[in-house]
Amino acid sequence: MKSFNIHYAKTHFSALIAQASQGTAFVIAKAGKPVAKVVPFDAPEPKPTRRIGFLGGAGFRIPSQERFNEIGAGDIEAMFGGDP
């Protein structure tokens, strides 16, 4: 993706907007650091990422830090022949 400094972008604004309308995105930078990204208006929206915590209210609880290693201990002992 091409990057243009602010002075160049101001001077060539119409040409840059014409490029964006044709599907070419670009970045406007100030002192070499990106400030804005210009993309075509009809560009597809990025898909939202799945949020952690989607099981909220499902009744699942994580035990305290002291008891964390005991999760499923009975089931594991039963699978390996120990008494649950």
PDB file of N, CA and C in Angstrom:
ATOM      1  N   MET A   1       0.855  -1.167   0.000  1.00  0.00           N
ATOM      2  CA  MET A   1       0.000   0.000   0.000  1.00  0.00           C
ATOM      3  C   MET A   1       0.902   1.232   0.000  1.00  0.00           C
ATOM      4  N   LYS A   2       0.598   2.153  -0.882  1.00  0.00           N
ATOM      5  CA  LYS A   2       1.418   3.364  -0.999  1.00  0.00           C
ATOM      6  C   LYS A   2       1.139   4.320   0.151  1.00  0.00           C
ATOM      7  N   SER A   3       2.156   5.109   0.482  1.00  0.00           N
ATOM      8  CA  SER A   3       2.054   6.100   1.545  1.00  0.00           C
ATOM      9  C   SER A   3       2.470   7.455   0.985  1.00  0.00           C
ATOM     10  N   PHE A   4       1.707   8.492   1.352  1.00  0.00           N
ATOM     11  CA  PHE A   4       1.999   9.849   0.889  1.00  0.00           C
ATOM     12  C   PHE A   4       2.060  10.784   2.081  1.00  0.00           C
ATOM     13  N   ASN A   5       2.985  11.758   2.034  1.00  0.00           N
ATOM     14  CA  ASN A   5       3.023  12.716   3.134  1.00  0.00           C
ATOM     15  C   ASN A   5       1.877  13.717   2.967  1.00  0.00           C
ATOM     16  N   ILE A   6       1.612  14.443   4.023  1.00  0.00           N
ATOM     17  CA  ILE A   6       0.458  15.349   4.045  1.00  0.00           C
ATOM     18  C   ILE A   6       0.555  16.412   2.951  1.00  0.00           C
ATOM     19  N   HIS A   7       1.734  16.972   2.759  1.00  0.00           N
ATOM     20  CA  HIS A   7       1.889  18.024   1.745  1.00  0.00           C
ATOM     21  C   HIS A   7       1.544  17.481   0.357  1.00  0.00           C
ATOM     22  N   TYR A   8       2.056  16.305   0.020  1.00  0.00           N
ATOM     23  CA  TYR A   8       1.762  15.702  -1.269  1.00  0.00           C
ATOM     24  C   TYR A   8       0.265  15.409  -1.389  1.00  0.00           C
ATOM     25  N   ALA A   9      -0.324  14.884  -0.324  1.00  0.00           N
ATOM     26  CA  ALA A   9      -1.750  14.547  -0.359  1.00  0.00           C
ATOM     27  C   ALA A   9      -2.607  15.794  -0.571  1.00  0.00           C
ATOM     28  N   LYS A  10      -2.227  16.909   0.072  1.00  0.00           N
ATOM     29  CA  LYS A  10      -2.994  18.147  -0.123  1.00  0.00           C
ATOM     30  C   LYS A  10      -2.847  18.652  -1.556  1.00  0.00           C
ATOM     31  N   THR A  11      -1.637  18.563  -2.089  1.00  0.00           N
ATOM     32  CA  THR A  11      -1.380  19.064  -3.435  1.00  0.00           C
ATOM     33  C   THR A  11      -2.072  18.217  -4.498  1.00  0.00           C
ATOM     34  N   HIS A  12      -2.103  16.903  -4.300  1.00  0.00           N
ATOM     35  CA  HIS A  12      -2.650  15.979  -5.294  1.00  0.00           C
ATOM     36  C   HIS A  12      -3.937  15.292  -4.814  1.00  0.00           C
ATOM     37  N   PHE A  13      -4.712  16.000  -4.017  1.00  0.00           N
ATOM     38  CA  PHE A  13      -5.892  15.407  -3.390  1.00  0.00           C
ATOM     39  C   PHE A  13      -6.871  14.825  -4.409  1.00  0.00           C
ATOM     40  N   SER A  14      -7.181  15.566  -5.449  1.00  0.00           N
ATOM     41  CA  SER A  14      -8.157  15.096  -6.445  1.00  0.00           C
ATOM     42  C   SER A  14      -7.695  13.808  -7.115  1.00  0.00           C
ATOM     43  N   ALA A  15      -6.435  13.735  -7.483  1.00  0.00           N
ATOM     44  CA  ALA A  15      -5.906  12.535  -8.142  1.00  0.00           C
ATOM     45  C   ALA A  15      -5.918  11.347  -7.180  1.00  0.00           C
ATOM     46  N   LEU A  16      -5.572  11.584  -5.922  1.00  0.00           N
ATOM     47  CA  LEU A  16      -5.570  10.496  -4.944  1.00  0.00           C
ATOM     48  C   LEU A  16      -6.992   9.984  -4.692  1.00  0.00           C
ATOM     49  N   ILE A  17      -7.951  10.884  -4.616  1.00  0.00           N
ATOM     50  CA  ILE A  17      -9.344  10.473  -4.422  1.00  0.00           C
ATOM     51  C   ILE A  17      -9.833   9.688  -5.635  1.00  0.00           C
ATOM     52  N   ALA A  18      -9.417  10.074  -6.823  1.00  0.00           N
ATOM     53  CA  ALA A  18      -9.791   9.327  -8.029  1.00  0.00           C
ATOM     54  C   ALA A  18      -9.224   7.913  -7.970  1.00  0.00           C
ATOM     55  N   GLN A  19      -7.990   7.771  -7.494  1.00  0.00           N
ATOM     56  CA  GLN A  19      -7.395   6.441  -7.348  1.00  0.00           C
ATOM     57  C   GLN A  19      -8.175   5.616  -6.329  1.00  0.00           C
ATOM     58  N   ALA A  20      -8.548   6.239  -5.210  1.00  0.00           N
ATOM     59  CA  ALA A  20      -9.305   5.532  -4.175  1.00  0.00           C
ATOM     60  C   ALA A  20     -10.655   5.078  -4.724  1.00  0.00           C
ATOM     61  N   SER A  21     -11.288   5.896  -5.528  1.00  0.00           N
ATOM     62  CA  SER A  21     -12.587   5.517  -6.087  1.00  0.00           C
ATOM     63  C   SER A  21     -12.463   4.351  -7.068  1.00  0.00           C
ATOM     64  N   GLN A  22     -11.261   4.142  -7.608  1.00  0.00           N
ATOM     65  CA  GLN A  22     -11.000   3.014  -8.507  1.00  0.00           C
ATOM     66  C   GLN A  22     -10.600   1.751  -7.743  1.00  0.00           C
ATOM     67  N   GLY A  23     -10.487   1.862  -6.408  1.00  0.00           N
ATOM     68  CA  GLY A  23     -10.190   0.682  -5.606  1.00  0.00           C
ATOM     69  C   GLY A  23      -8.811   0.647  -4.988  1.00  0.00           C
ATOM     70  N   THR A  24      -7.995   1.677  -5.172  1.00  0.00           N
ATOM     71  CA  THR A  24      -6.645   1.702  -4.630  1.00  0.00           C
ATOM     72  C   THR A  24      -6.622   2.444  -3.297  1.00  0.00           C
ATOM     73  N   ALA A  25      -6.325   1.734  -2.239  1.00  0.00           N
ATOM     74  CA  ALA A  25      -6.229   2.358  -0.915  1.00  0.00           C
ATOM     75  C   ALA A  25      -4.836   2.942  -0.741  1.00  0.00           C
ATOM     76  N   PHE A  26      -4.714   3.955   0.126  1.00  0.00           N
ATOM     77  CA  PHE A  26      -3.407   4.539   0.412  1.00  0.00           C
ATOM     78  C   PHE A  26      -3.395   5.100   1.823  1.00  0.00           C
ATOM     79  N   VAL A  27      -2.190   5.430   2.287  1.00  0.00           N
ATOM     80  CA  VAL A  27      -1.988   5.937   3.638  1.00  0.00           C
ATOM     81  C   VAL A  27      -1.456   7.354   3.550  1.00  0.00           C
ATOM     82  N   ILE A  28      -1.943   8.224   4.435  1.00  0.00           N
ATOM     83  CA  ILE A  28      -1.403   9.580   4.565  1.00  0.00           C
ATOM     84  C   ILE A  28      -0.560   9.596   5.825  1.00  0.00           C
ATOM     85  N   ALA A  29       0.690  10.088   5.683  1.00  0.00           N
ATOM     86  CA  ALA A  29       1.630  10.071   6.799  1.00  0.00           C
ATOM     87  C   ALA A  29       2.069  11.485   7.154  1.00  0.00           C
ATOM     88  N   LYS A  30       2.409  11.657   8.415  1.00  0.00           N
ATOM     89  CA  LYS A  30       2.954  12.929   8.905  1.00  0.00           C
ATOM     90  C   LYS A  30       4.302  12.612   9.532  1.00  0.00           C
ATOM     91  N   ALA A  31       5.343  13.219   9.017  1.00  0.00           N
ATOM     92  CA  ALA A  31       6.719  12.983   9.480  1.00  0.00           C
ATOM     93  C   ALA A  31       7.068  11.491   9.395  1.00  0.00           C
ATOM     94  N   GLY A  32       6.562  10.822   8.352  1.00  0.00           N
ATOM     95  CA  GLY A  32       6.868   9.418   8.133  1.00  0.00           C
ATOM     96  C   GLY A  32       6.029   8.434   8.925  1.00  0.00           C
ATOM     97  N   LYS A  33       5.161   8.930   9.797  1.00  0.00           N
ATOM     98  CA  LYS A  33       4.315   8.038  10.601  1.00  0.00           C
ATOM     99  C   LYS A  33       2.894   8.050  10.060  1.00  0.00           C
ATOM    100  N   PRO A  34       2.299   6.856   9.839  1.00  0.00           N
ATOM    101  CA  PRO A  34       0.935   6.796   9.299  1.00  0.00           C
ATOM    102  C   PRO A  34      -0.064   7.514  10.203  1.00  0.00           C
ATOM    103  N   VAL A  35      -0.926   8.305   9.571  1.00  0.00           N
ATOM    104  CA  VAL A  35      -1.941   9.058  10.306  1.00  0.00           C
ATOM    105  C   VAL A  35      -3.352   8.623   9.896  1.00  0.00           C
ATOM    106  N   ALA A  36      -3.539   8.380   8.598  1.00  0.00           N
ATOM    107  CA  ALA A  36      -4.871   8.033   8.095  1.00  0.00           C
ATOM    108  C   ALA A  36      -4.748   7.048   6.945  1.00  0.00           C
ATOM    109  N   LYS A  37      -5.764   6.202   6.821  1.00  0.00           N
ATOM    110  CA  LYS A  37      -5.835   5.251   5.716  1.00  0.00           C
ATOM    111  C   LYS A  37      -7.071   5.607   4.903  1.00  0.00           C
ATOM    112  N   VAL A  38      -6.885   5.804   3.611  1.00  0.00           N
ATOM    113  CA  VAL A  38      -7.989   6.145   2.727  1.00  0.00           C
ATOM    114  C   VAL A  38      -8.306   4.911   1.889  1.00  0.00           C
ATOM    115  N   VAL A  39      -9.548   4.458   1.977  1.00  0.00           N
ATOM    116  CA  VAL A  39      -9.999   3.276   1.240  1.00  0.00           C
ATOM    117  C   VAL A  39     -11.253   3.629   0.467  1.00  0.00           C
ATOM    118  N   PRO A  40     -11.567   2.884  -0.569  1.00  0.00           N
ATOM    119  CA  PRO A  40     -12.809   3.142  -1.303  1.00  0.00           C
ATOM    120  C   PRO A  40     -14.008   3.006  -0.377  1.00  0.00           C
ATOM    121  N   PHE A  41     -15.015   3.818  -0.587  1.00  0.00           N
ATOM    122  CA  PHE A  41     -16.190   3.816   0.275  1.00  0.00           C
ATOM    123  C   PHE A  41     -16.922   2.494   0.253  1.00  0.00           C
ATOM    124  N   ASP A  42     -16.960   1.832  -0.890  1.00  0.00           N
ATOM    125  CA  ASP A  42     -17.685   0.582  -0.993  1.00  0.00           C
ATOM    126  C   ASP A  42     -16.830  -0.634  -0.635  1.00  0.00           C
ATOM    127  N   ALA A  43     -15.697  -0.412  -0.005  1.00  0.00           N
ATOM    128  CA  ALA A  43     -14.850  -1.524   0.427  1.00  0.00           C
ATOM    129  C   ALA A  43     -15.593  -2.344   1.479  1.00  0.00           C
ATOM    130  N   PRO A  44     -15.439  -3.664   1.446  1.00  0.00           N
ATOM    131  CA  PRO A  44     -16.144  -4.489   2.437  1.00  0.00           C
ATOM    132  C   PRO A  44     -15.637  -4.220   3.848  1.00  0.00           C
ATOM    133  N   GLU A  45     -16.567  -4.247   4.770  1.00  0.00           N
ATOM    134  CA  GLU A  45     -16.225  -4.054   6.176  1.00  0.00           C
ATOM    135  C   GLU A  45     -15.461  -5.278   6.679  1.00  0.00           C
ATOM    136  N   PRO A  46     -14.455  -5.083   7.508  1.00  0.00           N
ATOM    137  CA  PRO A  46     -13.767  -6.253   8.056  1.00  0.00           C
ATOM    138  C   PRO A  46     -14.704  -7.047   8.960  1.00  0.00           C
ATOM    139  N   LYS A  47     -14.565  -8.367   8.938  1.00  0.00           N
ATOM    140  CA  LYS A  47     -15.418  -9.212   9.767  1.00  0.00           C
ATOM    141  C   LYS A  47     -15.035  -9.028  11.226  1.00  0.00           C
ATOM    142  N   PRO A  48     -16.018  -8.916  12.101  1.00  0.00           N
ATOM    143  CA  PRO A  48     -15.686  -8.785  13.524  1.00  0.00           C
ATOM    144  C   PRO A  48     -15.073 -10.083  14.040  1.00  0.00           C
ATOM    145  N   THR A  49     -14.126  -9.952  14.930  1.00  0.00           N
ATOM    146  CA  THR A  49     -13.507 -11.133  15.519  1.00  0.00           C
ATOM    147  C   THR A  49     -14.418 -11.679  16.611  1.00  0.00           C
ATOM    148  N   ARG A  50     -14.305 -12.980  16.839  1.00  0.00           N
ATOM    149  CA  ARG A  50     -15.118 -13.582  17.897  1.00  0.00           C
ATOM    150  C   ARG A  50     -14.616 -13.108  19.237  1.00  0.00           C
ATOM    151  N   ARG A  51     -15.527 -12.781  20.059  1.00  0.00           N
ATOM    152  CA  ARG A  51     -15.229 -12.226  21.366  1.00  0.00           C
ATOM    153  C   ARG A  51     -15.080 -13.351  22.381  1.00  0.00           C
ATOM    154  N   ILE A  52     -14.046 -13.258  23.191  1.00  0.00           N
ATOM    155  CA  ILE A  52     -13.878 -14.215  24.278  1.00  0.00           C
ATOM    156  C   ILE A  52     -14.935 -13.909  25.332  1.00  0.00           C
ATOM    157  N   GLY A  53     -15.484 -14.928  25.910  1.00  0.00           N
ATOM    158  CA  GLY A  53     -16.506 -14.724  26.923  1.00  0.00           C
ATOM    159  C   GLY A  53     -17.893 -14.997  26.400  1.00  0.00           C
ATOM    160  N   PHE A  54     -17.999 -15.674  25.261  1.00  0.00           N
ATOM    161  CA  PHE A  54     -19.306 -15.930  24.684  1.00  0.00           C
ATOM    162  C   PHE A  54     -20.127 -16.912  25.508  1.00  0.00           C
ATOM    163  N   LEU A  55     -19.519 -17.585  26.504  1.00  0.00           N
ATOM    164  CA  LEU A  55     -20.264 -18.515  27.348  1.00  0.00           C
ATOM    165  C   LEU A  55     -20.729 -17.857  28.652  1.00  0.00           C
ATOM    166  N   GLY A  56     -20.654 -16.541  28.700  1.00  0.00           N
ATOM    167  CA  GLY A  56     -21.068 -15.843  29.912  1.00  0.00           C
ATOM    168  C   GLY A  56     -22.481 -16.208  30.320  1.00  0.00           C
ATOM    169  N   GLY A  57     -22.665 -16.514  31.595  1.00  0.00           N
ATOM    170  CA  GLY A  57     -23.973 -16.876  32.105  1.00  0.00           C
ATOM    171  C   GLY A  57     -24.350 -18.326  31.870  1.00  0.00           C
ATOM    172  N   ALA A  58     -23.431 -19.135  31.342  1.00  0.00           N
ATOM    173  CA  ALA A  58     -23.734 -20.537  31.052  1.00  0.00           C
ATOM    174  C   ALA A  58     -23.557 -21.423  32.283  1.00  0.00           C
ATOM    175  N   GLY A  59     -23.144 -20.848  33.390  1.00  0.00           N
ATOM    176  CA  GLY A  59     -22.993 -21.628  34.618  1.00  0.00           C
ATOM    177  C   GLY A  59     -21.631 -22.274  34.770  1.00  0.00           C
ATOM    178  N   PHE A  60     -20.727 -22.011  33.863  1.00  0.00           N
ATOM    179  CA  PHE A  60     -19.384 -22.567  33.958  1.00  0.00           C
ATOM    180  C   PHE A  60     -18.524 -21.639  34.794  1.00  0.00           C
ATOM    181  N   ARG A  61     -17.848 -22.202  35.776  1.00  0.00           N
ATOM    182  CA  ARG A  61     -17.007 -21.384  36.640  1.00  0.00           C
ATOM    183  C   ARG A  61     -15.602 -21.970  36.675  1.00  0.00           C
ATOM    184  N   ILE A  62     -14.622 -21.128  36.652  1.00  0.00           N
ATOM    185  CA  ILE A  62     -13.233 -21.558  36.784  1.00  0.00           C
ATOM    186  C   ILE A  62     -12.885 -21.491  38.268  1.00  0.00           C
ATOM    187  N   PRO A  63     -12.338 -22.570  38.801  1.00  0.00           N
ATOM    188  CA  PRO A  63     -12.009 -22.569  40.228  1.00  0.00           C
ATOM    189  C   PRO A  63     -10.889 -21.586  40.548  1.00  0.00           C
ATOM    190  N   SER A  64     -10.721 -21.330  41.817  1.00  0.00           N
ATOM    191  CA  SER A  64      -9.686 -20.399  42.252  1.00  0.00           C
ATOM    192  C   SER A  64      -8.320 -20.926  41.834  1.00  0.00           C
ATOM    193  N   GLN A  65      -7.342 -20.068  41.883  1.00  0.00           N
ATOM    194  CA  GLN A  65      -5.994 -20.429  41.459  1.00  0.00           C
ATOM    195  C   GLN A  65      -5.446 -21.608  42.271  1.00  0.00           C
ATOM    196  N   GLU A  66      -5.772 -21.671  43.527  1.00  0.00           N
ATOM    197  CA  GLU A  66      -5.278 -22.756  44.375  1.00  0.00           C
ATOM    198  C   GLU A  66      -5.853 -24.105  43.947  1.00  0.00           C
ATOM    199  N   ARG A  67      -7.078 -24.123  43.431  1.00  0.00           N
ATOM    200  CA  ARG A  67      -7.761 -25.375  43.073  1.00  0.00           C
ATOM    201  C   ARG A  67      -7.757 -25.635  41.567  1.00  0.00           C
ATOM    202  N   PHE A  68      -7.076 -24.811  40.788  1.00  0.00           N
ATOM    203  CA  PHE A  68      -7.114 -24.927  39.335  1.00  0.00           C
ATOM    204  C   PHE A  68      -6.619 -26.288  38.856  1.00  0.00           C
ATOM    205  N   ASN A  69      -5.574 -26.838  39.459  1.00  0.00           N
ATOM    206  CA  ASN A  69      -5.018 -28.123  39.028  1.00  0.00           C
ATOM    207  C   ASN A  69      -5.899 -29.306  39.405  1.00  0.00           C
ATOM    208  N   GLU A  70      -6.944 -29.070  40.160  1.00  0.00           N
ATOM    209  CA  GLU A  70      -7.848 -30.149  40.547  1.00  0.00           C
ATOM    210  C   GLU A  70      -9.017 -30.314  39.573  1.00  0.00           C
ATOM    211  N   ILE A  71      -9.058 -29.516  38.514  1.00  0.00           N
ATOM    212  CA  ILE A  71     -10.157 -29.604  37.553  1.00  0.00           C
ATOM    213  C   ILE A  71     -10.154 -30.994  36.932  1.00  0.00           C
ATOM    214  N   GLY A  72     -11.244 -31.709  37.058  1.00  0.00           N
ATOM    215  CA  GLY A  72     -11.402 -33.028  36.450  1.00  0.00           C
ATOM    216  C   GLY A  72     -10.509 -34.098  37.035  1.00  0.00           C
ATOM    217  N   ALA A  73      -9.961 -33.890  38.220  1.00  0.00           N
ATOM    218  CA  ALA A  73      -9.046 -34.866  38.818  1.00  0.00           C
ATOM    219  C   ALA A  73      -9.717 -36.224  38.991  1.00  0.00           C
ATOM    220  N   GLY A  74     -10.967 -36.250  39.419  1.00  0.00           N
ATOM    221  CA  GLY A  74     -11.682 -37.513  39.611  1.00  0.00           C
ATOM    222  C   GLY A  74     -11.838 -38.274  38.309  1.00  0.00           C
ATOM    223  N   ASP A  75     -12.199 -37.583  37.238  1.00  0.00           N
ATOM    224  CA  ASP A  75     -12.357 -38.235  35.939  1.00  0.00           C
ATOM    225  C   ASP A  75     -11.030 -38.783  35.425  1.00  0.00           C
ATOM    226  N   ILE A  76      -9.976 -38.022  35.601  1.00  0.00           N
ATOM    227  CA  ILE A  76      -8.657 -38.464  35.137  1.00  0.00           C
ATOM    228  C   ILE A  76      -8.201 -39.688  35.917  1.00  0.00           C
ATOM    229  N   GLU A  77      -8.398 -39.688  37.230  1.00  0.00           N
ATOM    230  CA  GLU A  77      -8.017 -40.853  38.041  1.00  0.00           C
ATOM    231  C   GLU A  77      -8.818 -42.081  37.631  1.00  0.00           C
ATOM    232  N   ALA A  78     -10.101 -41.913  37.319  1.00  0.00           N
ATOM    233  CA  ALA A  78     -10.940 -43.034  36.915  1.00  0.00           C
ATOM    234  C   ALA A  78     -10.481 -43.606  35.572  1.00  0.00           C
ATOM    235  N   MET A  79     -10.046 -42.738  34.639  1.00  0.00           N
ATOM    236  CA  MET A  79      -9.596 -43.204  33.341  1.00  0.00           C
ATOM    237  C   MET A  79      -8.316 -44.039  33.436  1.00  0.00           C
ATOM    238  N   PHE A  80      -7.485 -43.755  34.420  1.00  0.00           N
ATOM    239  CA  PHE A  80      -6.221 -44.462  34.562  1.00  0.00           C
ATOM    240  C   PHE A  80      -6.245 -45.512  35.662  1.00  0.00           C
ATOM    241  N   GLY A  81      -7.427 -45.932  36.060  1.00  0.00           N
ATOM    242  CA  GLY A  81      -7.563 -47.042  36.980  1.00  0.00           C
ATOM    243  C   GLY A  81      -7.505 -46.688  38.443  1.00  0.00           C
ATOM    244  N   GLY A  82      -7.460 -45.435  38.785  1.00  0.00           N
ATOM    245  CA  GLY A  82      -7.454 -45.037  40.196  1.00  0.00           C
ATOM    246  C   GLY A  82      -8.879 -44.941  40.717  1.00  0.00           C
ATOM    247  N   ASP A  83      -9.022 -44.810  42.002  1.00  0.00           N
ATOM    248  CA  ASP A  83     -10.346 -44.632  42.608  1.00  0.00           C
ATOM    249  C   ASP A  83     -10.730 -43.155  42.498  1.00  0.00           C
ATOM    250  N   PRO A  84     -11.916 -42.863  42.013  1.00  0.00           N
ATOM    251  CA  PRO A  84     -12.350 -41.469  41.897  1.00  0.00           C
ATOM    252  C   PRO A  84     -12.625 -40.827  43.235  1.00  0.00           C
TER     253      PRO A  84
END
